[in-house]
Amino acid sequence: PTELYTGTEVGFSTLRLEKESTVRFINDVVREISEMTPSPYMHIGGDEAHVTKKDDYIGFVNLFTDVVKKNGKVMIGWEEIAQGNIDSNAIVQHWTNPDYAKMASEKGARIIMSPSTRVYLDMQYDSLTRLGLHWAAYIEADGSYNWDPATQVEGVDPASILGVEAPLWGETIDSMDDIEYLLFPRITAVAEVGWTPAANRSFDGYKGRIAAHGPRWKRMGIDYYPSALIPWK
């Protein structure tokens, strides 16, 4: 037993793959969660395992691949799982390393696009933003808009891309107002990227349309970030 950890650093601990109790634990957890949810998917994480030896990491991925499938779920994992024996039954979530995303595509896996420099909505808009982090990038409204999932990673087959997910991690968030401040307007940019072909999009067209939502958001009490790039009504 260890002291309860309440920090935000990651990747400094690992499990011992060679222990029977570890394998039993993994099987139990996957089975119990599978029984609790009707979702066909299970996200196993798999990122930032900094102190896990590479051979052990691959062993863990292969173990999870078998256990998740045995429990009737489709495995999702962050792009690092591409190092394991994955195939078309796996879904890989791209966030920072294009080589892993390309590797996953070559193995037949489907891809969720979540590039941290575009859609990590806990990033600050700029250096003066009162909330958020900036380890990936400062992401203004145009940063969340001006990219194309189909061409984000060279070598990834566009047909293998399932869609886009925009994470909002909570290290700097204390309230719903904080959530809204980091989400709006960028979540609308991400939505349009996900649903509209790049040939039919332009930031100039977007910013004019989204500006009209400012008064609506105010009436709804949404604490949006008043980006200087948008001519708010």
Protein backbone atom coordinates (compact mmCIF):
# COMPACT_ATOMS: atom_id res chain seq x y z
CA PRO A 1 0.00 0.00 0.00
CA THR A 2 1.16 3.54 -0.79
CA GLU A 3 0.05 7.02 0.18
CA LEU A 4 -2.85 8.42 -1.85
CA TYR A 5 -1.38 10.37 -4.77
CA THR A 6 -3.08 13.66 -5.62
CA GLY A 7 -0.59 15.20 -8.06
CA THR A 8 -0.75 15.44 -11.85
CA GLU A 9 2.56 13.88 -12.90
CA VAL A 10 2.26 10.61 -14.81
CA GLY A 11 4.22 7.60 -15.95
CA PHE A 12 6.33 6.95 -12.84
CA SER A 13 4.69 3.67 -11.83
CA THR A 14 4.11 0.34 -13.52
CA LEU A 15 2.75 -3.15 -12.97
CA ARG A 16 4.70 -6.41 -13.01
CA LEU A 17 3.57 -8.39 -16.01
CA GLU A 18 5.26 -11.59 -14.84
CA LYS A 19 3.07 -11.85 -11.73
CA GLU A 20 0.01 -14.09 -11.93
CA SER A 21 -1.86 -11.64 -9.67
CA THR A 22 -1.38 -8.87 -12.24
CA VAL A 23 -2.89 -10.94 -15.04
CA ARG A 24 -5.75 -11.99 -12.76
CA PHE A 25 -6.36 -8.36 -11.78
CA ILE A 26 -6.50 -7.22 -15.41
CA ASN A 27 -8.91 -10.00 -16.32
CA ASP A 28 -11.16 -9.15 -13.36
CA VAL A 29 -11.26 -5.42 -14.07
CA VAL A 30 -11.96 -5.80 -17.79
CA ARG A 31 -14.66 -8.40 -17.10
CA GLU A 32 -16.38 -6.28 -14.43
CA ILE A 33 -16.34 -3.09 -16.51
CA SER A 34 -17.58 -5.01 -19.56
CA GLU A 35 -20.55 -6.26 -17.55
CA MET A 36 -21.35 -2.72 -16.35
CA THR A 37 -21.66 -1.01 -19.73
CA PRO A 38 -23.58 -1.76 -22.94
CA SER A 39 -20.96 0.10 -25.00
CA PRO A 40 -19.24 -2.04 -27.65
CA TYR A 41 -15.97 -0.20 -26.90
CA MET A 42 -13.43 -0.23 -24.08
CA HIS A 43 -10.63 2.36 -23.87
CA ILE A 44 -7.62 0.86 -22.13
CA GLY A 45 -5.48 4.03 -22.06
CA GLY A 46 -1.93 2.89 -22.75
CA ASP A 47 -0.21 6.26 -23.05
CA GLU A 48 2.71 7.74 -21.09
CA ALA A 49 3.94 4.46 -19.60
CA HIS A 50 7.35 6.03 -19.13
CA VAL A 51 8.97 3.55 -16.75
CA THR A 52 7.48 0.37 -18.20
CA LYS A 53 10.08 -1.55 -20.19
CA LYS A 54 9.22 -1.74 -23.90
CA ASP A 55 8.95 -5.54 -23.96
CA ASP A 56 6.65 -5.44 -20.93
CA TYR A 57 4.59 -2.66 -22.49
CA ILE A 58 4.06 -4.69 -25.66
CA GLY A 59 3.19 -7.68 -23.51
CA PHE A 60 0.57 -5.65 -21.66
CA VAL A 61 -0.96 -4.41 -24.94
CA ASN A 62 -1.14 -7.95 -26.28
CA LEU A 63 -2.71 -9.15 -23.02
CA PHE A 64 -5.34 -6.40 -23.08
CA THR A 65 -6.04 -7.11 -26.75
CA ASP A 66 -6.96 -10.69 -25.91
CA VAL A 67 -8.83 -9.94 -22.68
CA VAL A 68 -10.92 -7.10 -24.12
CA LYS A 69 -11.85 -9.21 -27.16
CA LYS A 70 -12.72 -12.16 -24.90
CA ASN A 71 -15.18 -9.90 -23.07
CA GLY A 72 -16.93 -8.91 -26.28
CA LYS A 73 -15.58 -5.37 -26.58
CA VAL A 74 -13.62 -3.47 -29.23
CA MET A 75 -10.38 -2.13 -27.76
CA ILE A 76 -9.45 1.55 -28.03
CA GLY A 77 -6.08 2.82 -26.87
CA TRP A 78 -3.82 5.80 -27.25
CA GLU A 79 -1.44 5.62 -30.22
CA GLU A 80 1.37 3.94 -28.27
CA ILE A 81 -0.55 0.65 -28.44
CA ALA A 82 0.41 0.46 -32.13
CA GLN A 83 3.60 -1.22 -30.88
CA GLY A 84 1.59 -4.30 -29.90
CA ASN A 85 0.04 -7.06 -32.00
CA ILE A 86 -3.02 -5.04 -32.97
CA ASP A 87 -5.12 -5.44 -36.10
CA SER A 88 -8.37 -4.23 -37.64
CA ASN A 89 -10.21 -5.06 -34.41
CA ALA A 90 -8.42 -2.22 -32.59
CA ILE A 91 -9.01 1.53 -32.58
CA VAL A 92 -6.01 3.77 -32.02
CA GLN A 93 -6.28 7.36 -30.80
CA HIS A 94 -3.65 9.72 -32.24
CA TRP A 95 -2.51 12.51 -29.95
CA THR A 96 1.17 13.39 -30.53
CA ASN A 97 3.36 10.87 -32.41
CA PRO A 98 2.59 10.53 -36.13
CA ASP A 99 4.85 7.48 -36.42
CA TYR A 100 2.62 5.49 -34.07
CA ALA A 101 -0.51 6.63 -35.91
CA LYS A 102 1.01 5.56 -39.23
CA MET A 103 2.09 2.22 -37.71
CA ALA A 104 -1.45 1.62 -36.47
CA SER A 105 -2.92 2.40 -39.88
CA GLU A 106 -0.47 0.02 -41.56
CA LYS A 107 -1.63 -2.73 -39.18
CA GLY A 108 -5.23 -2.16 -40.26
CA ALA A 109 -6.42 -0.39 -37.11
CA ARG A 110 -8.98 2.39 -37.24
CA ILE A 111 -7.95 5.85 -36.08
CA ILE A 112 -9.48 8.54 -33.86
CA MET A 113 -7.86 11.92 -34.52
CA SER A 114 -7.09 13.88 -31.33
CA PRO A 115 -3.95 15.87 -32.16
CA SER A 116 -2.94 17.67 -28.97
CA THR A 117 -1.81 20.78 -30.85
CA ARG A 118 -5.31 21.20 -32.32
CA VAL A 119 -8.03 19.71 -30.15
CA TYR A 120 -6.73 19.43 -26.59
CA LEU A 121 -9.18 21.97 -25.23
CA ASP A 122 -7.45 22.30 -21.87
CA MET A 123 -4.67 24.24 -23.64
CA GLN A 124 -4.56 28.00 -23.16
CA TYR A 125 -5.73 30.22 -25.98
CA ASP A 126 -2.66 32.41 -25.48
CA SER A 127 -0.11 33.23 -22.80
CA LEU A 128 -2.57 35.50 -20.96
CA THR A 129 -5.44 33.02 -20.74
CA ARG A 130 -6.52 32.60 -17.11
CA LEU A 131 -7.07 28.82 -17.39
CA GLY A 132 -5.39 25.90 -19.05
CA LEU A 133 -1.93 24.58 -19.83
CA HIS A 134 0.35 25.04 -22.82
CA TRP A 135 2.67 22.02 -23.00
CA ALA A 136 1.18 21.05 -26.38
CA ALA A 137 0.52 24.52 -27.80
CA TYR A 138 -1.39 27.74 -27.37
CA ILE A 139 -4.59 27.00 -29.31
CA GLU A 140 -6.71 29.91 -30.48
CA ALA A 141 -10.00 29.43 -32.32
CA ASP A 142 -8.26 29.32 -35.69
CA GLY A 143 -5.87 26.66 -34.40
CA SER A 144 -8.78 24.35 -33.62
CA TYR A 145 -10.32 25.09 -37.03
CA ASN A 146 -7.52 25.17 -39.59
CA TRP A 147 -6.59 21.52 -39.91
CA ASP A 148 -7.83 18.46 -41.77
CA PRO A 149 -8.16 15.06 -40.07
CA ALA A 150 -7.70 13.32 -43.42
CA THR A 151 -4.24 14.84 -43.97
CA GLN A 152 -3.09 15.43 -40.38
CA VAL A 153 -0.75 12.42 -40.43
CA GLU A 154 1.00 11.48 -43.64
CA GLY A 155 0.68 7.77 -44.33
CA VAL A 156 -2.63 7.28 -42.51
CA ASP A 157 -5.34 6.03 -44.83
CA PRO A 158 -8.22 8.56 -44.62
CA ALA A 159 -10.66 5.66 -44.94
CA SER A 160 -9.40 4.30 -41.61
CA ILE A 161 -10.24 7.51 -39.70
CA LEU A 162 -13.37 7.12 -37.58
CA GLY A 163 -13.59 10.76 -36.56
CA VAL A 164 -12.35 13.40 -34.14
CA GLU A 165 -12.32 13.57 -30.35
CA ALA A 166 -11.46 16.76 -28.45
CA PRO A 167 -10.27 15.99 -24.90
CA LEU A 168 -10.69 18.43 -22.03
CA TRP A 169 -8.38 17.43 -19.18
CA GLY A 170 -9.22 18.86 -15.79
CA GLU A 171 -6.02 19.90 -14.02
CA THR A 172 -6.91 23.62 -14.06
CA ILE A 173 -10.71 23.31 -13.93
CA ASP A 174 -12.82 23.96 -10.82
CA SER A 175 -16.28 24.78 -12.14
CA MET A 176 -18.72 24.54 -15.05
CA ASP A 177 -17.82 28.13 -15.95
CA ASP A 178 -14.21 27.00 -16.31
CA ILE A 179 -15.30 24.16 -18.58
CA GLU A 180 -17.34 26.50 -20.76
CA TYR A 181 -14.52 29.03 -20.96
CA LEU A 182 -12.14 26.42 -22.36
CA LEU A 183 -14.71 24.74 -24.62
CA PHE A 184 -16.37 27.72 -26.27
CA PRO A 185 -15.84 28.74 -29.03
CA ARG A 186 -13.26 26.03 -29.85
CA ILE A 187 -15.63 23.08 -29.51
CA THR A 188 -17.71 24.51 -32.35
CA ALA A 189 -14.60 24.71 -34.53
CA VAL A 190 -13.76 21.08 -33.80
CA ALA A 191 -17.34 20.03 -34.57
CA GLU A 192 -17.20 21.70 -37.97
CA VAL A 193 -13.83 20.10 -38.71
CA GLY A 194 -15.30 16.71 -37.86
CA TRP A 195 -18.46 17.09 -39.92
CA THR A 196 -17.47 19.23 -42.91
CA PRO A 197 -14.99 18.36 -45.69
CA ALA A 198 -11.98 20.67 -45.77
CA ALA A 199 -12.89 21.89 -49.25
CA ASN A 200 -16.14 23.32 -47.88
CA ARG A 201 -14.58 25.12 -44.91
CA SER A 202 -12.86 28.45 -44.33
CA PHE A 203 -12.04 30.24 -41.10
CA ASP A 204 -13.34 33.52 -42.53
CA GLY A 205 -16.73 31.93 -43.13
CA TYR A 206 -16.71 30.21 -39.76
CA LYS A 207 -15.83 33.27 -37.69
CA GLY A 208 -18.64 35.30 -39.22
CA ARG A 209 -21.18 32.60 -38.44
CA ILE A 210 -19.94 31.85 -34.94
CA ALA A 211 -19.94 35.54 -34.06
CA ALA A 212 -23.74 35.47 -34.20
CA HIS A 213 -23.77 32.90 -31.39
CA GLY A 214 -22.18 35.31 -28.91
CA PRO A 215 -25.47 36.92 -27.86
CA ARG A 216 -27.14 33.50 -27.67
CA TRP A 217 -24.39 32.17 -25.41
CA LYS A 218 -24.67 35.22 -23.18
CA ARG A 219 -28.42 34.72 -22.79
CA MET A 220 -27.79 31.06 -21.98
CA GLY A 221 -25.20 31.99 -19.36
CA ILE A 222 -22.35 30.26 -21.22
CA ASP A 223 -19.01 31.69 -20.08
CA TYR A 224 -17.25 31.61 -23.47
CA TYR A 225 -13.81 33.00 -24.27
CA PRO A 226 -14.19 36.25 -26.29
CA SER A 227 -11.50 35.48 -28.88
CA ALA A 228 -10.19 38.62 -30.59
CA LEU A 229 -10.16 36.64 -33.85
CA ILE A 230 -13.97 36.57 -33.97
CA PRO A 231 -16.06 39.70 -34.71
CA TRP A 232 -18.61 39.10 -31.97
CA LYS A 233 -22.05 40.60 -32.47
